N, C-alpha and C. Protein backbone atom coordinates (compact mmCIF):
# COMPACT_ATOMS: atom_id res chain seq x y z
N UNK A 1 15.81 6.16 -5.22
CA UNK A 1 14.79 5.54 -6.05
C UNK A 1 15.22 5.62 -7.49
N UNK A 2 14.69 4.76 -8.34
CA UNK A 2 15.10 4.67 -9.73
C UNK A 2 14.69 5.89 -10.53
N UNK A 3 14.93 5.84 -11.84
CA UNK A 3 14.63 7.00 -12.68
C UNK A 3 13.13 7.24 -12.79
N UNK A 4 12.68 8.26 -12.13
CA UNK A 4 11.27 8.63 -12.18
C UNK A 4 11.17 10.13 -11.95
N UNK A 5 10.26 10.76 -12.65
CA UNK A 5 9.96 12.16 -12.40
C UNK A 5 8.99 12.23 -11.23
N UNK A 6 9.27 13.10 -10.27
CA UNK A 6 8.45 13.19 -9.05
C UNK A 6 7.78 14.56 -9.00
N UNK A 7 6.47 14.55 -8.87
CA UNK A 7 5.74 15.79 -8.65
C UNK A 7 5.00 15.69 -7.32
N UNK A 8 4.91 16.79 -6.62
CA UNK A 8 4.20 16.83 -5.33
C UNK A 8 3.06 17.82 -5.44
N UNK A 9 1.89 17.40 -5.03
CA UNK A 9 0.74 18.29 -5.09
C UNK A 9 -0.25 17.95 -4.00
N UNK A 10 -1.23 18.82 -3.83
CA UNK A 10 -2.27 18.65 -2.83
C UNK A 10 -3.61 18.39 -3.50
N UNK A 11 -4.46 17.68 -2.79
CA UNK A 11 -5.78 17.34 -3.31
C UNK A 11 -6.71 17.17 -2.12
N UNK A 12 -8.00 17.10 -2.39
CA UNK A 12 -8.99 17.04 -1.31
C UNK A 12 -9.57 15.64 -1.19
N UNK A 13 -9.74 15.18 0.05
CA UNK A 13 -10.50 13.96 0.31
C UNK A 13 -11.99 14.28 0.20
N UNK A 14 -12.83 13.27 0.37
CA UNK A 14 -14.26 13.45 0.11
C UNK A 14 -14.91 14.48 1.03
N UNK A 15 -14.35 14.69 2.22
CA UNK A 15 -14.93 15.67 3.15
C UNK A 15 -14.22 17.01 3.09
N UNK A 16 -13.36 17.19 2.08
CA UNK A 16 -12.67 18.46 1.90
C UNK A 16 -11.32 18.56 2.58
N UNK A 17 -10.92 17.56 3.37
CA UNK A 17 -9.61 17.58 4.02
C UNK A 17 -8.51 17.58 2.95
N UNK A 18 -7.56 18.50 3.09
CA UNK A 18 -6.49 18.64 2.10
C UNK A 18 -5.35 17.68 2.41
N UNK A 19 -5.01 16.85 1.43
CA UNK A 19 -3.97 15.85 1.56
C UNK A 19 -2.82 16.17 0.61
N UNK A 20 -1.66 15.60 0.91
CA UNK A 20 -0.48 15.83 0.08
C UNK A 20 0.05 14.50 -0.45
N UNK A 21 0.51 14.52 -1.70
CA UNK A 21 0.98 13.29 -2.34
C UNK A 21 2.17 13.58 -3.24
N UNK A 22 2.99 12.54 -3.43
CA UNK A 22 3.99 12.51 -4.49
C UNK A 22 3.47 11.59 -5.58
N UNK A 23 3.65 12.00 -6.83
CA UNK A 23 3.38 11.13 -7.97
C UNK A 23 4.71 10.82 -8.63
N UNK A 24 5.05 9.53 -8.71
CA UNK A 24 6.31 9.06 -9.28
C UNK A 24 6.02 8.55 -10.68
N UNK A 25 6.64 9.16 -11.68
CA UNK A 25 6.32 8.87 -13.07
C UNK A 25 7.55 8.32 -13.78
N UNK A 26 7.61 7.01 -14.03
CA UNK A 26 8.74 6.44 -14.76
C UNK A 26 8.64 6.78 -16.25
N UNK A 27 9.72 6.54 -16.98
CA UNK A 27 9.72 6.85 -18.41
C UNK A 27 8.65 6.07 -19.16
N UNK A 28 8.48 4.81 -18.81
CA UNK A 28 7.46 3.96 -19.41
C UNK A 28 6.43 3.62 -18.34
N UNK A 29 5.16 3.77 -18.69
CA UNK A 29 4.10 3.48 -17.73
C UNK A 29 3.17 2.41 -18.30
N UNK A 30 3.15 1.26 -17.64
CA UNK A 30 2.28 0.17 -18.09
C UNK A 30 1.11 -0.04 -17.13
N UNK A 31 1.22 0.48 -15.94
CA UNK A 31 0.18 0.29 -14.92
C UNK A 31 0.29 1.39 -13.88
N UNK A 32 -0.68 1.42 -12.97
CA UNK A 32 -0.71 2.38 -11.88
C UNK A 32 -0.56 1.68 -10.54
N UNK A 33 -0.16 2.44 -9.53
CA UNK A 33 -0.13 1.93 -8.17
C UNK A 33 -0.36 3.08 -7.20
N UNK A 34 -1.02 2.77 -6.09
CA UNK A 34 -1.16 3.70 -4.98
C UNK A 34 -0.67 2.98 -3.73
N UNK A 35 0.20 3.66 -2.96
CA UNK A 35 0.85 3.05 -1.80
C UNK A 35 0.42 3.78 -0.53
N UNK A 36 -0.03 3.01 0.45
CA UNK A 36 -0.54 3.55 1.72
C UNK A 36 0.47 3.32 2.85
N UNK A 37 0.67 4.32 3.68
CA UNK A 37 1.70 4.27 4.72
C UNK A 37 1.16 3.74 6.05
N UNK A 38 2.07 3.45 7.00
CA UNK A 38 1.63 2.92 8.31
C UNK A 38 0.91 3.97 9.16
N UNK A 39 0.55 3.55 10.36
CA UNK A 39 -0.40 4.29 11.20
C UNK A 39 0.05 5.72 11.49
N UNK A 40 -0.82 6.71 11.19
CA UNK A 40 -0.47 8.11 11.45
C UNK A 40 -0.20 8.41 12.92
N UNK A 41 -0.86 7.71 13.84
CA UNK A 41 -0.68 8.00 15.26
C UNK A 41 0.64 7.47 15.81
N UNK A 42 1.35 6.69 15.01
CA UNK A 42 2.63 6.14 15.44
C UNK A 42 3.77 6.58 14.52
N UNK A 43 3.59 7.74 13.91
CA UNK A 43 4.66 8.33 13.12
C UNK A 43 4.67 7.94 11.66
N UNK A 44 3.68 7.21 11.20
CA UNK A 44 3.65 6.80 9.80
C UNK A 44 3.39 7.96 8.87
N UNK A 45 4.09 7.98 7.75
CA UNK A 45 3.85 8.95 6.69
C UNK A 45 4.36 8.39 5.36
N UNK A 46 4.20 9.14 4.30
CA UNK A 46 4.49 8.61 2.96
C UNK A 46 5.99 8.40 2.72
N UNK A 47 6.83 8.95 3.58
CA UNK A 47 8.27 8.77 3.43
C UNK A 47 8.83 7.61 4.24
N UNK A 48 7.95 6.79 4.79
CA UNK A 48 8.37 5.60 5.52
C UNK A 48 9.29 4.73 4.65
N UNK A 49 10.25 4.07 5.28
CA UNK A 49 11.25 3.30 4.54
C UNK A 49 10.64 2.12 3.79
N UNK A 50 9.67 1.44 4.38
CA UNK A 50 9.04 0.30 3.69
C UNK A 50 8.18 0.81 2.53
N UNK A 51 7.48 1.91 2.73
CA UNK A 51 6.73 2.53 1.64
C UNK A 51 7.67 2.87 0.48
N UNK A 52 8.83 3.44 0.81
CA UNK A 52 9.82 3.78 -0.21
C UNK A 52 10.30 2.54 -0.95
N UNK A 53 10.52 1.45 -0.21
CA UNK A 53 10.94 0.20 -0.84
C UNK A 53 9.87 -0.32 -1.80
N UNK A 54 8.61 -0.23 -1.41
CA UNK A 54 7.52 -0.63 -2.31
C UNK A 54 7.47 0.26 -3.54
N UNK A 55 7.61 1.55 -3.33
CA UNK A 55 7.60 2.48 -4.47
C UNK A 55 8.74 2.18 -5.43
N UNK A 56 9.91 1.87 -4.89
CA UNK A 56 11.07 1.52 -5.72
C UNK A 56 10.73 0.34 -6.63
N UNK A 57 10.15 -0.68 -6.06
CA UNK A 57 9.79 -1.87 -6.84
C UNK A 57 8.77 -1.54 -7.91
N UNK A 58 7.77 -0.77 -7.56
CA UNK A 58 6.70 -0.45 -8.50
C UNK A 58 7.20 0.42 -9.64
N UNK A 59 8.03 1.40 -9.34
CA UNK A 59 8.61 2.24 -10.39
C UNK A 59 9.49 1.40 -11.31
N UNK A 60 10.27 0.51 -10.72
CA UNK A 60 11.14 -0.35 -11.53
C UNK A 60 10.31 -1.23 -12.47
N UNK A 61 9.10 -1.55 -12.05
CA UNK A 61 8.20 -2.35 -12.88
C UNK A 61 7.29 -1.47 -13.74
N UNK A 62 7.67 -0.22 -13.94
CA UNK A 62 7.00 0.71 -14.86
C UNK A 62 5.58 1.07 -14.44
N UNK A 63 5.40 1.24 -13.14
CA UNK A 63 4.11 1.72 -12.63
C UNK A 63 4.22 3.21 -12.29
N UNK A 64 3.23 3.98 -12.68
CA UNK A 64 3.07 5.32 -12.13
C UNK A 64 2.55 5.16 -10.71
N UNK A 65 3.21 5.79 -9.75
CA UNK A 65 2.92 5.54 -8.34
C UNK A 65 2.48 6.83 -7.64
N UNK A 66 1.39 6.73 -6.91
CA UNK A 66 0.98 7.79 -5.98
C UNK A 66 1.26 7.30 -4.56
N UNK A 67 2.09 8.05 -3.85
CA UNK A 67 2.22 7.80 -2.41
C UNK A 67 1.79 9.08 -1.71
N UNK A 68 0.94 8.93 -0.73
CA UNK A 68 0.28 10.10 -0.15
C UNK A 68 0.28 10.00 1.37
N UNK A 69 0.06 11.14 2.02
CA UNK A 69 -0.09 11.17 3.47
C UNK A 69 -1.57 11.12 3.82
N UNK A 70 -1.94 10.15 4.67
CA UNK A 70 -3.29 10.16 5.24
C UNK A 70 -3.50 11.44 6.03
N UNK A 71 -4.74 11.80 6.25
CA UNK A 71 -5.06 12.96 7.08
C UNK A 71 -4.33 12.89 8.43
N UNK A 72 -3.80 14.03 8.84
CA UNK A 72 -3.09 14.09 10.11
C UNK A 72 -1.65 13.62 10.07
N UNK A 73 -1.16 13.26 8.89
CA UNK A 73 0.22 12.79 8.76
C UNK A 73 0.97 13.63 7.74
N UNK A 74 2.29 13.77 7.96
CA UNK A 74 3.14 14.44 6.97
C UNK A 74 2.62 15.79 6.56
N UNK A 75 2.44 15.96 5.25
CA UNK A 75 2.00 17.25 4.72
C UNK A 75 0.50 17.40 4.61
N UNK A 76 -0.27 16.45 5.13
CA UNK A 76 -1.72 16.51 5.01
C UNK A 76 -2.36 17.16 6.23
N UNK A 77 -3.49 17.78 6.00
CA UNK A 77 -4.25 18.42 7.08
C UNK A 77 -5.13 17.39 7.78
N UNK A 78 -5.88 17.87 8.77
CA UNK A 78 -6.84 17.02 9.45
C UNK A 78 -6.23 16.19 10.56
N UNK A 79 -7.00 15.22 11.04
CA UNK A 79 -6.55 14.35 12.12
C UNK A 79 -7.05 12.94 11.86
N UNK A 80 -6.48 11.99 12.56
CA UNK A 80 -6.78 10.57 12.37
C UNK A 80 -8.29 10.31 12.40
N UNK A 81 -8.77 9.49 11.43
CA UNK A 81 -10.20 9.29 11.28
C UNK A 81 -10.69 7.89 11.58
N UNK A 82 -9.86 7.08 12.28
CA UNK A 82 -10.33 5.77 12.72
C UNK A 82 -10.35 4.68 11.67
N UNK A 83 -9.87 4.99 10.48
CA UNK A 83 -9.83 3.99 9.41
C UNK A 83 -10.80 4.29 8.28
N UNK A 84 -12.05 4.60 8.61
CA UNK A 84 -13.04 4.85 7.56
C UNK A 84 -12.71 6.13 6.79
N UNK A 85 -12.25 7.16 7.49
CA UNK A 85 -11.86 8.40 6.80
C UNK A 85 -10.63 8.17 5.95
N UNK A 86 -9.70 7.34 6.43
CA UNK A 86 -8.50 7.04 5.66
C UNK A 86 -8.83 6.26 4.39
N UNK A 87 -9.86 5.44 4.47
CA UNK A 87 -10.33 4.75 3.25
C UNK A 87 -10.77 5.78 2.21
N UNK A 88 -11.46 6.81 2.64
CA UNK A 88 -11.85 7.88 1.73
C UNK A 88 -10.63 8.60 1.17
N UNK A 89 -9.61 8.77 2.01
CA UNK A 89 -8.36 9.38 1.54
C UNK A 89 -7.74 8.56 0.41
N UNK A 90 -7.75 7.24 0.58
CA UNK A 90 -7.20 6.36 -0.46
C UNK A 90 -7.99 6.50 -1.75
N UNK A 91 -9.31 6.51 -1.67
CA UNK A 91 -10.12 6.66 -2.88
C UNK A 91 -9.81 7.97 -3.59
N UNK A 92 -9.59 9.04 -2.81
CA UNK A 92 -9.24 10.32 -3.42
C UNK A 92 -7.85 10.27 -4.05
N UNK A 93 -6.93 9.54 -3.42
CA UNK A 93 -5.56 9.42 -3.97
C UNK A 93 -5.57 8.67 -5.29
N UNK A 94 -6.43 7.67 -5.42
CA UNK A 94 -6.52 6.93 -6.68
C UNK A 94 -6.89 7.88 -7.82
N UNK A 95 -7.70 8.88 -7.52
CA UNK A 95 -8.12 9.83 -8.54
C UNK A 95 -7.00 10.75 -9.00
N UNK A 96 -5.85 10.72 -8.34
CA UNK A 96 -4.74 11.58 -8.72
C UNK A 96 -3.87 10.97 -9.82
N UNK A 97 -4.13 9.74 -10.20
CA UNK A 97 -3.37 9.10 -11.27
C UNK A 97 -3.70 9.74 -12.62
N UNK A 98 -2.69 9.84 -13.48
CA UNK A 98 -2.88 10.58 -14.74
C UNK A 98 -3.78 9.85 -15.72
N UNK A 99 -3.78 8.51 -15.69
CA UNK A 99 -4.63 7.73 -16.58
C UNK A 99 -5.37 6.68 -15.75
N UNK A 100 -6.62 6.94 -15.40
CA UNK A 100 -7.34 6.04 -14.49
C UNK A 100 -7.71 4.70 -15.11
N UNK A 101 -7.47 4.52 -16.40
CA UNK A 101 -7.86 3.28 -17.06
C UNK A 101 -6.76 2.22 -17.06
N UNK A 102 -5.56 2.58 -16.64
CA UNK A 102 -4.50 1.57 -16.56
C UNK A 102 -4.81 0.58 -15.43
N UNK A 103 -4.29 -0.66 -15.53
CA UNK A 103 -4.43 -1.60 -14.42
C UNK A 103 -3.84 -1.01 -13.14
N UNK A 104 -4.47 -1.30 -12.01
CA UNK A 104 -4.09 -0.67 -10.74
C UNK A 104 -3.62 -1.70 -9.73
N UNK A 105 -2.51 -1.40 -9.09
CA UNK A 105 -2.04 -2.16 -7.93
C UNK A 105 -2.28 -1.31 -6.69
N UNK A 106 -2.95 -1.87 -5.69
CA UNK A 106 -3.11 -1.20 -4.41
C UNK A 106 -2.11 -1.81 -3.43
N UNK A 107 -1.24 -0.97 -2.90
CA UNK A 107 -0.18 -1.44 -2.02
C UNK A 107 -0.24 -0.69 -0.70
N UNK A 108 0.36 -1.29 0.32
CA UNK A 108 0.39 -0.63 1.61
C UNK A 108 1.20 -1.43 2.61
N UNK A 109 1.54 -0.75 3.68
CA UNK A 109 2.36 -1.35 4.74
C UNK A 109 1.66 -1.16 6.08
N UNK A 110 1.48 -2.25 6.84
CA UNK A 110 0.93 -2.22 8.19
C UNK A 110 -0.50 -1.65 8.16
N UNK A 111 -0.77 -0.59 8.89
CA UNK A 111 -2.07 0.07 8.83
C UNK A 111 -2.48 0.37 7.39
N UNK A 112 -1.52 0.83 6.59
CA UNK A 112 -1.80 1.14 5.18
C UNK A 112 -2.20 -0.08 4.39
N UNK A 113 -1.65 -1.24 4.74
CA UNK A 113 -2.07 -2.49 4.09
C UNK A 113 -3.54 -2.77 4.39
N UNK A 114 -3.93 -2.59 5.64
CA UNK A 114 -5.32 -2.81 6.03
C UNK A 114 -6.26 -1.89 5.25
N UNK A 115 -5.89 -0.62 5.12
CA UNK A 115 -6.72 0.32 4.37
C UNK A 115 -6.83 -0.12 2.91
N UNK A 116 -5.70 -0.50 2.31
CA UNK A 116 -5.71 -0.92 0.90
C UNK A 116 -6.64 -2.10 0.67
N UNK A 117 -6.71 -3.00 1.62
CA UNK A 117 -7.50 -4.22 1.46
C UNK A 117 -9.00 -3.99 1.59
N UNK A 118 -9.40 -2.74 1.85
CA UNK A 118 -10.83 -2.42 1.94
C UNK A 118 -11.38 -1.79 0.66
N UNK A 119 -10.53 -1.61 -0.35
CA UNK A 119 -10.92 -0.87 -1.55
C UNK A 119 -10.70 -1.76 -2.78
N UNK A 120 -11.66 -1.78 -3.69
CA UNK A 120 -11.55 -2.62 -4.89
C UNK A 120 -12.13 -1.90 -6.11
N UNK A 121 -11.40 -0.96 -6.69
CA UNK A 121 -11.89 -0.27 -7.89
C UNK A 121 -12.02 -1.23 -9.07
N UNK A 122 -12.77 -0.83 -10.08
CA UNK A 122 -13.00 -1.68 -11.25
C UNK A 122 -11.71 -2.04 -11.97
N UNK A 123 -10.74 -1.14 -11.98
CA UNK A 123 -9.50 -1.39 -12.73
C UNK A 123 -8.45 -2.14 -11.90
N UNK A 124 -8.81 -2.56 -10.70
CA UNK A 124 -7.85 -3.22 -9.82
C UNK A 124 -7.29 -4.49 -10.47
N UNK A 125 -5.96 -4.59 -10.46
CA UNK A 125 -5.29 -5.79 -10.96
C UNK A 125 -4.87 -6.71 -9.82
N UNK A 126 -4.34 -6.11 -8.73
CA UNK A 126 -3.95 -6.91 -7.58
C UNK A 126 -3.70 -6.02 -6.38
N UNK A 127 -3.69 -6.67 -5.19
CA UNK A 127 -3.20 -6.05 -3.97
C UNK A 127 -1.79 -6.56 -3.71
N UNK A 128 -0.92 -5.68 -3.25
CA UNK A 128 0.44 -6.04 -2.88
C UNK A 128 0.73 -5.36 -1.55
N UNK A 129 0.62 -6.11 -0.45
CA UNK A 129 0.67 -5.49 0.86
C UNK A 129 1.76 -6.11 1.73
N UNK A 130 2.29 -5.29 2.62
CA UNK A 130 3.37 -5.69 3.52
C UNK A 130 2.88 -5.60 4.96
N UNK A 131 3.04 -6.68 5.70
CA UNK A 131 2.74 -6.74 7.14
C UNK A 131 1.35 -6.22 7.49
N UNK A 132 0.30 -6.71 6.82
CA UNK A 132 -1.04 -6.30 7.24
C UNK A 132 -1.32 -6.77 8.66
N UNK A 133 -1.97 -5.92 9.43
CA UNK A 133 -2.30 -6.27 10.81
C UNK A 133 -3.70 -6.90 10.88
N UNK A 134 -4.57 -6.50 9.94
CA UNK A 134 -5.94 -7.03 9.84
C UNK A 134 -6.74 -6.81 11.13
N UNK A 135 -6.56 -5.62 11.70
CA UNK A 135 -7.27 -5.27 12.93
C UNK A 135 -8.00 -3.93 12.85
N UNK A 136 -7.82 -3.21 11.74
CA UNK A 136 -8.45 -1.90 11.63
C UNK A 136 -9.95 -2.03 11.35
N UNK A 137 -10.32 -3.09 10.61
CA UNK A 137 -11.72 -3.33 10.24
C UNK A 137 -12.12 -4.74 10.63
N UNK A 138 -13.43 -4.96 10.72
CA UNK A 138 -13.95 -6.30 11.02
C UNK A 138 -13.93 -7.21 9.81
N UNK A 139 -14.00 -6.62 8.61
CA UNK A 139 -13.98 -7.41 7.39
C UNK A 139 -13.28 -6.61 6.29
N UNK A 140 -12.83 -7.33 5.26
CA UNK A 140 -12.06 -6.73 4.19
C UNK A 140 -12.63 -7.19 2.85
N UNK A 141 -12.92 -6.25 1.96
CA UNK A 141 -13.47 -6.60 0.66
C UNK A 141 -12.54 -7.52 -0.10
N UNK A 142 -11.24 -7.41 0.15
CA UNK A 142 -10.27 -8.23 -0.57
C UNK A 142 -10.44 -9.72 -0.30
N UNK A 143 -10.98 -10.07 0.86
CA UNK A 143 -11.06 -11.47 1.26
C UNK A 143 -11.80 -12.33 0.25
N UNK A 144 -12.88 -11.80 -0.30
CA UNK A 144 -13.69 -12.57 -1.23
C UNK A 144 -13.56 -12.11 -2.68
N UNK A 145 -12.67 -11.17 -2.91
CA UNK A 145 -12.51 -10.61 -4.26
C UNK A 145 -11.62 -11.52 -5.10
N UNK A 146 -11.94 -11.62 -6.39
CA UNK A 146 -11.21 -12.56 -7.25
C UNK A 146 -9.78 -12.12 -7.56
N UNK A 147 -9.50 -10.84 -7.49
CA UNK A 147 -8.16 -10.38 -7.87
C UNK A 147 -7.12 -10.83 -6.84
N UNK A 148 -5.89 -10.94 -7.31
CA UNK A 148 -4.81 -11.52 -6.51
C UNK A 148 -4.46 -10.66 -5.30
N UNK A 149 -4.25 -11.34 -4.19
CA UNK A 149 -3.69 -10.72 -2.99
C UNK A 149 -2.31 -11.31 -2.77
N UNK A 150 -1.29 -10.46 -2.76
CA UNK A 150 0.08 -10.90 -2.49
C UNK A 150 0.55 -10.18 -1.22
N UNK A 151 0.86 -10.96 -0.19
CA UNK A 151 1.21 -10.40 1.11
C UNK A 151 2.65 -10.76 1.47
N UNK A 152 3.39 -9.76 1.95
CA UNK A 152 4.76 -9.96 2.43
C UNK A 152 4.74 -9.75 3.94
N UNK A 153 5.32 -10.68 4.68
CA UNK A 153 5.31 -10.57 6.14
C UNK A 153 6.65 -11.05 6.69
N UNK A 154 7.10 -10.42 7.75
CA UNK A 154 8.30 -10.87 8.44
C UNK A 154 8.00 -12.10 9.28
N UNK A 155 8.91 -13.04 9.28
CA UNK A 155 8.70 -14.27 10.07
C UNK A 155 8.52 -13.97 11.55
N UNK A 156 9.08 -12.86 12.01
CA UNK A 156 9.05 -12.52 13.43
C UNK A 156 8.21 -11.27 13.69
N UNK A 157 7.18 -11.07 12.88
CA UNK A 157 6.31 -9.90 13.04
C UNK A 157 5.69 -9.90 14.44
N UNK A 158 5.82 -8.75 15.14
CA UNK A 158 5.34 -8.64 16.52
C UNK A 158 3.83 -8.46 16.62
N UNK A 159 3.19 -8.00 15.54
CA UNK A 159 1.78 -7.60 15.62
C UNK A 159 0.84 -8.59 14.93
N UNK A 160 1.31 -9.22 13.88
CA UNK A 160 0.53 -10.26 13.20
C UNK A 160 1.53 -11.28 12.65
N UNK A 161 1.94 -12.24 13.49
CA UNK A 161 2.96 -13.20 13.08
C UNK A 161 2.59 -13.91 11.78
N UNK A 162 3.60 -14.30 11.03
CA UNK A 162 3.39 -14.91 9.72
C UNK A 162 2.45 -16.10 9.80
N UNK A 163 2.61 -16.92 10.81
CA UNK A 163 1.77 -18.11 10.95
C UNK A 163 0.30 -17.72 11.16
N UNK A 164 0.08 -16.70 11.98
CA UNK A 164 -1.29 -16.22 12.22
C UNK A 164 -1.90 -15.64 10.95
N UNK A 165 -1.09 -14.84 10.22
CA UNK A 165 -1.58 -14.22 8.99
C UNK A 165 -2.00 -15.29 7.99
N UNK A 166 -1.18 -16.33 7.85
CA UNK A 166 -1.52 -17.42 6.94
C UNK A 166 -2.80 -18.12 7.36
N UNK A 167 -2.98 -18.30 8.67
CA UNK A 167 -4.19 -18.96 9.16
C UNK A 167 -5.44 -18.09 8.92
N UNK A 168 -5.32 -16.79 9.16
CA UNK A 168 -6.46 -15.89 8.99
C UNK A 168 -6.89 -15.83 7.53
N UNK A 169 -5.91 -15.83 6.62
CA UNK A 169 -6.21 -15.61 5.20
C UNK A 169 -6.33 -16.92 4.40
N UNK A 170 -6.34 -18.05 5.07
CA UNK A 170 -6.38 -19.33 4.33
C UNK A 170 -7.68 -19.50 3.55
N UNK A 171 -8.75 -18.84 3.99
CA UNK A 171 -10.02 -18.91 3.27
C UNK A 171 -10.20 -17.75 2.29
N UNK A 172 -9.23 -16.83 2.24
CA UNK A 172 -9.32 -15.72 1.30
C UNK A 172 -9.10 -16.23 -0.12
N UNK A 173 -9.76 -15.61 -1.06
CA UNK A 173 -9.64 -16.00 -2.46
C UNK A 173 -8.32 -15.52 -3.04
N UNK A 174 -7.63 -16.36 -3.80
CA UNK A 174 -6.46 -15.97 -4.60
C UNK A 174 -5.45 -15.18 -3.78
N UNK A 175 -5.04 -15.77 -2.65
CA UNK A 175 -4.17 -15.08 -1.70
C UNK A 175 -2.89 -15.87 -1.47
N UNK A 176 -1.76 -15.16 -1.52
CA UNK A 176 -0.45 -15.77 -1.28
C UNK A 176 0.28 -14.97 -0.20
N UNK A 177 0.81 -15.67 0.80
CA UNK A 177 1.61 -15.04 1.85
C UNK A 177 3.06 -15.45 1.66
N UNK A 178 3.93 -14.45 1.49
CA UNK A 178 5.37 -14.68 1.32
C UNK A 178 6.10 -14.16 2.54
N UNK A 179 6.99 -14.97 3.10
CA UNK A 179 7.65 -14.64 4.36
C UNK A 179 9.11 -14.27 4.14
N UNK A 180 9.55 -13.20 4.80
CA UNK A 180 10.97 -12.85 4.86
C UNK A 180 11.50 -13.34 6.19
N UNK A 181 12.35 -14.32 6.16
CA UNK A 181 12.71 -15.07 7.37
C UNK A 181 13.38 -14.22 8.44
N UNK A 182 14.24 -13.30 8.06
CA UNK A 182 15.04 -12.56 9.05
C UNK A 182 14.32 -11.33 9.60
N UNK A 183 13.12 -11.06 9.12
CA UNK A 183 12.49 -9.77 9.40
C UNK A 183 11.44 -9.84 10.50
N UNK A 184 11.25 -8.67 11.18
CA UNK A 184 10.10 -8.48 12.05
C UNK A 184 9.15 -7.50 11.37
N UNK A 185 8.29 -6.85 12.13
CA UNK A 185 7.29 -5.97 11.53
C UNK A 185 7.90 -4.76 10.84
N UNK A 186 9.12 -4.39 11.23
CA UNK A 186 9.69 -3.12 10.76
C UNK A 186 10.69 -3.28 9.61
N UNK A 187 11.17 -4.47 9.33
CA UNK A 187 12.01 -4.77 8.16
C UNK A 187 13.27 -3.89 8.10
N UNK A 188 13.82 -3.53 9.26
CA UNK A 188 14.91 -2.55 9.25
C UNK A 188 16.13 -3.03 8.47
N UNK A 189 16.45 -4.31 8.53
CA UNK A 189 17.61 -4.84 7.80
C UNK A 189 17.19 -5.59 6.55
N UNK A 190 15.93 -5.45 6.16
CA UNK A 190 15.40 -6.28 5.07
C UNK A 190 14.69 -5.48 3.99
N UNK A 191 15.01 -4.18 3.88
CA UNK A 191 14.30 -3.35 2.91
C UNK A 191 14.57 -3.81 1.48
N UNK A 192 15.82 -4.24 1.22
CA UNK A 192 16.14 -4.75 -0.11
C UNK A 192 15.32 -5.99 -0.43
N UNK A 193 15.12 -6.82 0.57
CA UNK A 193 14.31 -8.03 0.37
C UNK A 193 12.86 -7.68 0.08
N UNK A 194 12.35 -6.62 0.73
CA UNK A 194 10.98 -6.19 0.46
C UNK A 194 10.83 -5.77 -1.00
N UNK A 195 11.77 -4.96 -1.49
CA UNK A 195 11.71 -4.51 -2.89
C UNK A 195 11.81 -5.69 -3.85
N UNK A 196 12.76 -6.57 -3.59
CA UNK A 196 12.99 -7.71 -4.49
C UNK A 196 11.77 -8.62 -4.52
N UNK A 197 11.22 -8.91 -3.36
CA UNK A 197 10.06 -9.79 -3.29
C UNK A 197 8.84 -9.12 -3.92
N UNK A 198 8.70 -7.82 -3.69
CA UNK A 198 7.57 -7.10 -4.28
C UNK A 198 7.59 -7.20 -5.80
N UNK A 199 8.76 -7.01 -6.40
CA UNK A 199 8.88 -7.13 -7.87
C UNK A 199 8.49 -8.53 -8.32
N UNK A 200 8.94 -9.53 -7.58
CA UNK A 200 8.64 -10.92 -7.96
C UNK A 200 7.15 -11.24 -7.83
N UNK A 201 6.45 -10.53 -6.94
CA UNK A 201 5.05 -10.82 -6.70
C UNK A 201 4.10 -10.00 -7.58
N UNK A 202 4.65 -9.03 -8.33
CA UNK A 202 3.80 -8.26 -9.21
C UNK A 202 3.34 -9.11 -10.38
N UNK A 203 2.05 -9.03 -10.70
CA UNK A 203 1.52 -9.81 -11.80
C UNK A 203 1.87 -9.17 -13.14
N UNK A 204 2.08 -9.99 -14.13
CA UNK A 204 2.35 -9.48 -15.48
C UNK A 204 1.07 -8.93 -16.10
C-alpha cells in the first residue's frame, strides 16, 4: 500500500461487541473513507485482497481510511449478526475517523458493499462499492439518496451478474455501474483494475 501511517485499535459497536480496525492515514487528508469487507461466514475480513485494493485507491486519493472487521471476523469479537448488527458495526467504525466533518466515502466489497449501501451519514459524499450482491436487505437507503453511487462489478460475477446489477439499479438515483470485463466476483487477476477504476470513480 502507498505511503500511509497505519494504526490498529479496538472499539465497541452499539451493543458493546469489541471490534478491531486499521486506520490508514496519508500525509495529506482531504476526505474520509470506511471500507467494509465480504461475508464473515465465508472467510471475509479486513485484509481481503479487494478491500486492500480499495484502500490503496482511497489512500492514493488522500483519504483517511478505516478498514475494520465485522463482528465474528478477524480480530473482532462476537458472531455474525445477520446484517443488521453489521450495520451497527459500520456506524461505530465511522466514529473512529479522526475528523468526522470531512467528506465521507462509504466503500465495500460483496456483503460489505450491501452493508455500506444501508448507511447515509450527513457528511456522506458518495458510495464506492465493488460487486454488491443486493441480497442482505430488502431495501437500501442508497437507492433513493441523492449522493453518488459508483459500483464496480465483474462481467462474469457468479452472484450478481453485471447485467442483473444494472437492471436492478436502473431506477436508483445518481448511480453508475462500471464493469471489469475479465473479472468474476473475486477479481483474482484484476485487483489492479479495481484500484485504477476506484480512483477514476472517486468524486472530486
